[in-house]
């Protein structure tokens, strides 16, 4: 891989994140090869979410807790 046409050091953090997002979205499922074990695990997790609904802690709660700990 040669030198990138874009000087990444001149991008802001937001611009870099947008570029990452653009690159990620440009990939198709055919671009990502998964071994059978990983595909089975991901399918199992998707099935669980469909059955039980999403579980976890909302980002706002995590952020609030992190902010509280920093103070």
PDB file of N, CA and C in Angstrom:
ATOM      1  N   UNK A   1       0.843  -1.167   0.000  1.00  0.00           N
ATOM      2  CA  UNK A   1       0.000   0.000   0.000  1.00  0.00           C
ATOM      3  C   UNK A   1       0.887   1.229   0.000  1.00  0.00           C
ATOM      4  N   UNK A   2       0.646   2.152  -0.917  1.00  0.00           N
ATOM      5  CA  UNK A   2       1.455   3.355  -1.031  1.00  0.00           C
ATOM      6  C   UNK A   2       1.017   4.431  -0.072  1.00  0.00           C
ATOM      7  N   UNK A   3       1.641   5.580  -0.222  1.00  0.00           N
ATOM      8  CA  UNK A   3       1.313   6.730   0.620  1.00  0.00           C
ATOM      9  C   UNK A   3      -0.119   7.187   0.325  1.00  0.00           C
ATOM     10  N   UNK A   4      -0.902   7.450   1.379  1.00  0.00           N
ATOM     11  CA  UNK A   4      -2.276   7.882   1.153  1.00  0.00           C
ATOM     12  C   UNK A   4      -2.319   9.214   0.413  1.00  0.00           C
ATOM     13  N   UNK A   5      -3.335   9.399  -0.432  1.00  0.00           N
ATOM     14  CA  UNK A   5      -3.503  10.638  -1.181  1.00  0.00           C
ATOM     15  C   UNK A   5      -3.945  11.768  -0.264  1.00  0.00           C
ATOM     16  N   UNK A   6      -4.368  11.437   0.934  1.00  0.00           N
ATOM     17  CA  UNK A   6      -4.885  12.395   1.896  1.00  0.00           C
ATOM     18  C   UNK A   6      -3.921  12.484   3.067  1.00  0.00           C
ATOM     19  N   UNK A   7      -3.538  13.701   3.452  1.00  0.00           N
ATOM     20  CA  UNK A   7      -2.662  13.871   4.609  1.00  0.00           C
ATOM     21  C   UNK A   7      -3.510  13.796   5.871  1.00  0.00           C
ATOM     22  N   UNK A   8      -3.541  12.633   6.476  1.00  0.00           N
ATOM     23  CA  UNK A   8      -4.392  12.390   7.631  1.00  0.00           C
ATOM     24  C   UNK A   8      -4.031  13.256   8.826  1.00  0.00           C
ATOM     25  N   UNK A   9      -2.790  13.660   8.921  1.00  0.00           N
ATOM     26  CA  UNK A   9      -2.358  14.464  10.061  1.00  0.00           C
ATOM     27  C   UNK A   9      -3.005  15.853  10.062  1.00  0.00           C
ATOM     28  N   UNK A  10      -3.538  16.276   8.930  1.00  0.00           N
ATOM     29  CA  UNK A  10      -4.166  17.597   8.846  1.00  0.00           C
ATOM     30  C   UNK A  10      -5.664  17.563   9.119  1.00  0.00           C
ATOM     31  N   UNK A  11      -6.223  16.365   9.271  1.00  0.00           N
ATOM     32  CA  UNK A  11      -7.652  16.253   9.542  1.00  0.00           C
ATOM     33  C   UNK A  11      -7.949  16.451  11.018  1.00  0.00           C
ATOM     34  N   UNK A  12      -9.098  17.036  11.300  1.00  0.00           N
ATOM     35  CA  UNK A  12      -9.549  17.140  12.687  1.00  0.00           C
ATOM     36  C   UNK A  12     -10.040  15.767  13.143  1.00  0.00           C
ATOM     37  N   UNK A  13     -10.247  15.629  14.417  1.00  0.00           N
ATOM     38  CA  UNK A  13     -10.775  14.370  14.937  1.00  0.00           C
ATOM     39  C   UNK A  13     -12.131  14.062  14.315  1.00  0.00           C
ATOM     40  N   UNK A  14     -13.001  15.050  14.218  1.00  0.00           N
ATOM     41  CA  UNK A  14     -14.314  14.836  13.609  1.00  0.00           C
ATOM     42  C   UNK A  14     -14.193  14.399  12.153  1.00  0.00           C
ATOM     43  N   UNK A  15     -13.268  14.989  11.425  1.00  0.00           N
ATOM     44  CA  UNK A  15     -13.063  14.614  10.021  1.00  0.00           C
ATOM     45  C   UNK A  15     -12.537  13.182   9.911  1.00  0.00           C
ATOM     46  N   UNK A  16     -11.659  12.800  10.814  1.00  0.00           N
ATOM     47  CA  UNK A  16     -11.143  11.432  10.811  1.00  0.00           C
ATOM     48  C   UNK A  16     -12.248  10.433  11.112  1.00  0.00           C
ATOM     49  N   UNK A  17     -13.091  10.754  12.090  1.00  0.00           N
ATOM     50  CA  UNK A  17     -14.191   9.865  12.427  1.00  0.00           C
ATOM     51  C   UNK A  17     -15.181   9.753  11.272  1.00  0.00           C
ATOM     52  N   UNK A  18     -15.432  10.856  10.589  1.00  0.00           N
ATOM     53  CA  UNK A  18     -16.324  10.825   9.430  1.00  0.00           C
ATOM     54  C   UNK A  18     -15.722   9.959   8.319  1.00  0.00           C
ATOM     55  N   UNK A  19     -14.420  10.058   8.127  1.00  0.00           N
ATOM     56  CA  UNK A  19     -13.745   9.233   7.123  1.00  0.00           C
ATOM     57  C   UNK A  19     -13.848   7.753   7.478  1.00  0.00           C
ATOM     58  N   UNK A  20     -13.639   7.431   8.741  1.00  0.00           N
ATOM     59  CA  UNK A  20     -13.775   6.046   9.195  1.00  0.00           C
ATOM     60  C   UNK A  20     -15.185   5.548   8.907  1.00  0.00           C
ATOM     61  N   UNK A  21     -16.170   6.375   9.234  1.00  0.00           N
ATOM     62  CA  UNK A  21     -17.564   5.999   8.999  1.00  0.00           C
ATOM     63  C   UNK A  21     -17.830   5.785   7.509  1.00  0.00           C
ATOM     64  N   UNK A  22     -17.328   6.689   6.685  1.00  0.00           N
ATOM     65  CA  UNK A  22     -17.506   6.558   5.232  1.00  0.00           C
ATOM     66  C   UNK A  22     -16.868   5.273   4.712  1.00  0.00           C
ATOM     67  N   UNK A  23     -15.660   4.975   5.196  1.00  0.00           N
ATOM     68  CA  UNK A  23     -14.975   3.755   4.767  1.00  0.00           C
ATOM     69  C   UNK A  23     -15.742   2.515   5.205  1.00  0.00           C
ATOM     70  N   UNK A  24     -16.189   2.511   6.448  1.00  0.00           N
ATOM     71  CA  UNK A  24     -16.914   1.361   6.980  1.00  0.00           C
ATOM     72  C   UNK A  24     -18.194   1.117   6.182  1.00  0.00           C
ATOM     73  N   UNK A  25     -18.931   2.195   5.908  1.00  0.00           N
ATOM     74  CA  UNK A  25     -20.188   2.077   5.172  1.00  0.00           C
ATOM     75  C   UNK A  25     -19.969   1.665   3.718  1.00  0.00           C
ATOM     76  N   UNK A  26     -18.771   1.894   3.197  1.00  0.00           N
ATOM     77  CA  UNK A  26     -18.500   1.541   1.807  1.00  0.00           C
ATOM     78  C   UNK A  26     -18.278   0.041   1.622  1.00  0.00           C
ATOM     79  N   UNK A  27     -18.062  -0.679   2.722  1.00  0.00           N
ATOM     80  CA  UNK A  27     -17.841  -2.123   2.640  1.00  0.00           C
ATOM     81  C   UNK A  27     -19.166  -2.856   2.518  1.00  0.00           C
ATOM     82  N   UNK A  28     -19.173  -3.909   1.739  1.00  0.00           N
ATOM     83  CA  UNK A  28     -20.356  -4.762   1.647  1.00  0.00           C
ATOM     84  C   UNK A  28     -20.101  -6.025   2.458  1.00  0.00           C
ATOM     85  N   UNK A  29     -21.131  -6.788   2.690  1.00  0.00           N
ATOM     86  CA  UNK A  29     -20.953  -8.033   3.446  1.00  0.00           C
ATOM     87  C   UNK A  29     -20.006  -8.986   2.722  1.00  0.00           C
ATOM     88  N   UNK A  30     -19.926  -8.869   1.405  1.00  0.00           N
ATOM     89  CA  UNK A  30     -19.002  -9.715   0.647  1.00  0.00           C
ATOM     90  C   UNK A  30     -17.539  -9.344   0.907  1.00  0.00           C
ATOM     91  N   UNK A  31     -17.298  -8.108   1.351  1.00  0.00           N
ATOM     92  CA  UNK A  31     -15.935  -7.660   1.636  1.00  0.00           C
ATOM     93  C   UNK A  31     -15.410  -8.226   2.959  1.00  0.00           C
ATOM     94  N   UNK A  32     -16.306  -8.665   3.805  1.00  0.00           N
ATOM     95  CA  UNK A  32     -15.932  -9.133   5.135  1.00  0.00           C
ATOM     96  C   UNK A  32     -16.134 -10.637   5.219  1.00  0.00           C
ATOM     97  N   UNK A  33     -15.057 -11.357   5.254  1.00  0.00           N
ATOM     98  CA  UNK A  33     -15.183 -12.811   5.351  1.00  0.00           C
ATOM     99  C   UNK A  33     -15.082 -13.219   6.821  1.00  0.00           C
ATOM    100  N   UNK A  34     -16.005 -14.064   7.230  1.00  0.00           N
ATOM    101  CA  UNK A  34     -16.028 -14.549   8.608  1.00  0.00           C
ATOM    102  C   UNK A  34     -15.870 -16.060   8.596  1.00  0.00           C
ATOM    103  N   UNK A  35     -15.122 -16.554   9.560  1.00  0.00           N
ATOM    104  CA  UNK A  35     -15.035 -18.000   9.694  1.00  0.00           C
ATOM    105  C   UNK A  35     -16.395 -18.503  10.185  1.00  0.00           C
ATOM    106  N   UNK A  36     -16.656 -19.773  10.001  1.00  0.00           N
ATOM    107  CA  UNK A  36     -17.966 -20.328  10.357  1.00  0.00           C
ATOM    108  C   UNK A  36     -18.266 -20.180  11.847  1.00  0.00           C
ATOM    109  N   UNK A  37     -17.233 -20.282  12.689  1.00  0.00           N
ATOM    110  CA  UNK A  37     -17.439 -20.152  14.129  1.00  0.00           C
ATOM    111  C   UNK A  37     -17.878 -18.736  14.495  1.00  0.00           C
ATOM    112  N   UNK A  38     -17.236 -17.746  13.894  1.00  0.00           N
ATOM    113  CA  UNK A  38     -17.595 -16.358  14.187  1.00  0.00           C
ATOM    114  C   UNK A  38     -18.989 -16.038  13.643  1.00  0.00           C
ATOM    115  N   UNK A  39     -19.292 -16.502  12.444  1.00  0.00           N
ATOM    116  CA  UNK A  39     -20.622 -16.276  11.878  1.00  0.00           C
ATOM    117  C   UNK A  39     -21.695 -16.907  12.772  1.00  0.00           C
ATOM    118  N   UNK A  40     -21.442 -18.107  13.277  1.00  0.00           N
ATOM    119  CA  UNK A  40     -22.393 -18.776  14.163  1.00  0.00           C
ATOM    120  C   UNK A  40     -22.587 -17.991  15.456  1.00  0.00           C
ATOM    121  N   UNK A  41     -21.501 -17.455  16.010  1.00  0.00           N
ATOM    122  CA  UNK A  41     -21.594 -16.667  17.240  1.00  0.00           C
ATOM    123  C   UNK A  41     -22.389 -15.390  17.005  1.00  0.00           C
ATOM    124  N   UNK A  42     -22.132 -14.714  15.906  1.00  0.00           N
ATOM    125  CA  UNK A  42     -22.882 -13.493  15.598  1.00  0.00           C
ATOM    126  C   UNK A  42     -24.361 -13.800  15.377  1.00  0.00           C
ATOM    127  N   UNK A  43     -24.655 -14.889  14.700  1.00  0.00           N
ATOM    128  CA  UNK A  43     -26.049 -15.294  14.500  1.00  0.00           C
ATOM    129  C   UNK A  43     -26.718 -15.589  15.840  1.00  0.00           C
ATOM    130  N   UNK A  44     -25.995 -16.244  16.744  1.00  0.00           N
ATOM    131  CA  UNK A  44     -26.531 -16.558  18.070  1.00  0.00           C
ATOM    132  C   UNK A  44     -26.856 -15.268  18.825  1.00  0.00           C
ATOM    133  N   UNK A  45     -25.958 -14.302  18.746  1.00  0.00           N
ATOM    134  CA  UNK A  45     -26.178 -13.030  19.443  1.00  0.00           C
ATOM    135  C   UNK A  45     -27.355 -12.257  18.844  1.00  0.00           C
ATOM    136  N   UNK A  46     -27.475 -12.264  17.525  1.00  0.00           N
ATOM    137  CA  UNK A  46     -28.610 -11.593  16.888  1.00  0.00           C
ATOM    138  C   UNK A  46     -29.921 -12.257  17.282  1.00  0.00           C
ATOM    139  N   UNK A  47     -29.928 -13.585  17.319  1.00  0.00           N
ATOM    140  CA  UNK A  47     -31.125 -14.312  17.738  1.00  0.00           C
ATOM    141  C   UNK A  47     -31.511 -13.930  19.160  1.00  0.00           C
ATOM    142  N   UNK A  48     -30.523 -13.789  20.030  1.00  0.00           N
ATOM    143  CA  UNK A  48     -30.780 -13.430  21.429  1.00  0.00           C
ATOM    144  C   UNK A  48     -31.378 -12.030  21.525  1.00  0.00           C
ATOM    145  N   UNK A  49     -30.840 -11.092  20.763  1.00  0.00           N
ATOM    146  CA  UNK A  49     -31.370  -9.723  20.780  1.00  0.00           C
ATOM    147  C   UNK A  49     -32.804  -9.712  20.264  1.00  0.00           C
ATOM    148  N   UNK A  50     -33.073 -10.485  19.217  1.00  0.00           N
ATOM    149  CA  UNK A  50     -34.429 -10.544  18.678  1.00  0.00           C
ATOM    150  C   UNK A  50     -35.400 -11.155  19.688  1.00  0.00           C
ATOM    151  N   UNK A  51     -34.939 -12.110  20.448  1.00  0.00           N
ATOM    152  CA  UNK A  51     -35.780 -12.784  21.429  1.00  0.00           C
ATOM    153  C   UNK A  51     -35.972 -11.943  22.692  1.00  0.00           C
ATOM    154  N   UNK A  52     -34.875 -11.402  23.233  1.00  0.00           N
ATOM    155  CA  UNK A  52     -34.906 -10.714  24.521  1.00  0.00           C
ATOM    156  C   UNK A  52     -34.958  -9.194  24.402  1.00  0.00           C
ATOM    157  N   UNK A  53     -34.681  -8.681  23.226  1.00  0.00           N
ATOM    158  CA  UNK A  53     -34.581  -7.235  23.072  1.00  0.00           C
ATOM    159  C   UNK A  53     -33.183  -6.784  23.471  1.00  0.00           C
ATOM    160  N   UNK A  54     -32.869  -5.546  23.147  1.00  0.00           N
ATOM    161  CA  UNK A  54     -31.533  -5.050  23.491  1.00  0.00           C
ATOM    162  C   UNK A  54     -31.366  -4.936  25.004  1.00  0.00           C
ATOM    163  N   UNK A  55     -30.188  -5.305  25.469  1.00  0.00           N
ATOM    164  CA  UNK A  55     -29.877  -5.181  26.888  1.00  0.00           C
ATOM    165  C   UNK A  55     -28.592  -4.382  27.006  1.00  0.00           C
ATOM    166  N   UNK A  56     -28.420  -3.756  28.117  1.00  0.00           N
ATOM    167  CA  UNK A  56     -27.217  -2.978  28.332  1.00  0.00           C
ATOM    168  C   UNK A  56     -27.550  -1.694  29.068  1.00  0.00           C
ATOM    169  N   UNK A  57     -26.573  -0.831  29.124  1.00  0.00           N
ATOM    170  CA  UNK A  57     -26.707   0.438  29.818  1.00  0.00           C
ATOM    171  C   UNK A  57     -26.698   1.553  28.781  1.00  0.00           C
ATOM    172  N   UNK A  58     -27.667   2.450  28.836  1.00  0.00           N
ATOM    173  CA  UNK A  58     -27.672   3.559  27.880  1.00  0.00           C
ATOM    174  C   UNK A  58     -26.403   4.403  27.998  1.00  0.00           C
ATOM    175  N   UNK A  59     -25.931   4.916  26.853  1.00  0.00           N
ATOM    176  CA  UNK A  59     -24.719   5.719  26.817  1.00  0.00           C
ATOM    177  C   UNK A  59     -24.795   6.895  27.790  1.00  0.00           C
ATOM    178  N   UNK A  60     -25.941   7.524  27.890  1.00  0.00           N
ATOM    179  CA  UNK A  60     -26.079   8.680  28.783  1.00  0.00           C
ATOM    180  C   UNK A  60     -25.751   8.298  30.223  1.00  0.00           C
ATOM    181  N   UNK A  61     -26.186   7.092  30.653  1.00  0.00           N
ATOM    182  CA  UNK A  61     -25.900   6.633  32.016  1.00  0.00           C
ATOM    183  C   UNK A  61     -24.417   6.335  32.196  1.00  0.00           C
ATOM    184  N   UNK A  62     -23.809   5.701  31.196  1.00  0.00           N
ATOM    185  CA  UNK A  62     -22.378   5.398  31.266  1.00  0.00           C
ATOM    186  C   UNK A  62     -21.577   6.683  31.344  1.00  0.00           C
ATOM    187  N   UNK A  63     -21.908   7.627  30.489  1.00  0.00           N
ATOM    188  CA  UNK A  63     -21.188   8.904  30.467  1.00  0.00           C
ATOM    189  C   UNK A  63     -21.348   9.648  31.795  1.00  0.00           C
ATOM    190  N   UNK A  64     -22.561   9.661  32.327  1.00  0.00           N
ATOM    191  CA  UNK A  64     -22.798  10.337  33.609  1.00  0.00           C
ATOM    192  C   UNK A  64     -21.966   9.713  34.718  1.00  0.00           C
ATOM    193  N   UNK A  65     -21.891   8.379  34.712  1.00  0.00           N
ATOM    194  CA  UNK A  65     -21.092   7.696  35.729  1.00  0.00           C
ATOM    195  C   UNK A  65     -19.608   8.000  35.559  1.00  0.00           C
ATOM    196  N   UNK A  66     -19.137   8.037  34.316  1.00  0.00           N
ATOM    197  CA  UNK A  66     -17.730   8.344  34.058  1.00  0.00           C
ATOM    198  C   UNK A  66     -17.408   9.769  34.506  1.00  0.00           C
ATOM    199  N   UNK A  67     -18.295  10.689  34.219  1.00  0.00           N
ATOM    200  CA  UNK A  67     -18.084  12.088  34.590  1.00  0.00           C
ATOM    201  C   UNK A  67     -18.045  12.229  36.098  1.00  0.00           C
ATOM    202  N   UNK A  68     -18.914  11.501  36.783  1.00  0.00           N
ATOM    203  CA  UNK A  68     -18.960  11.547  38.242  1.00  0.00           C
ATOM    204  C   UNK A  68     -17.658  11.016  38.841  1.00  0.00           C
ATOM    205  N   UNK A  69     -17.123   9.947  38.263  1.00  0.00           N
ATOM    206  CA  UNK A  69     -15.876   9.361  38.760  1.00  0.00           C
ATOM    207  C   UNK A  69     -14.682  10.276  38.561  1.00  0.00           C
ATOM    208  N   UNK A  70     -14.693  11.059  37.478  1.00  0.00           N
ATOM    209  CA  UNK A  70     -13.569  11.958  37.187  1.00  0.00           C
ATOM    210  C   UNK A  70     -13.515  13.142  38.135  1.00  0.00           C
ATOM    211  N   UNK A  71     -14.648  13.516  38.702  1.00  0.00           N
ATOM    212  CA  UNK A  71     -14.703  14.708  39.564  1.00  0.00           C
ATOM    213  C   UNK A  71     -14.109  14.468  40.925  1.00  0.00           C
TER     214      UNK A  71
END
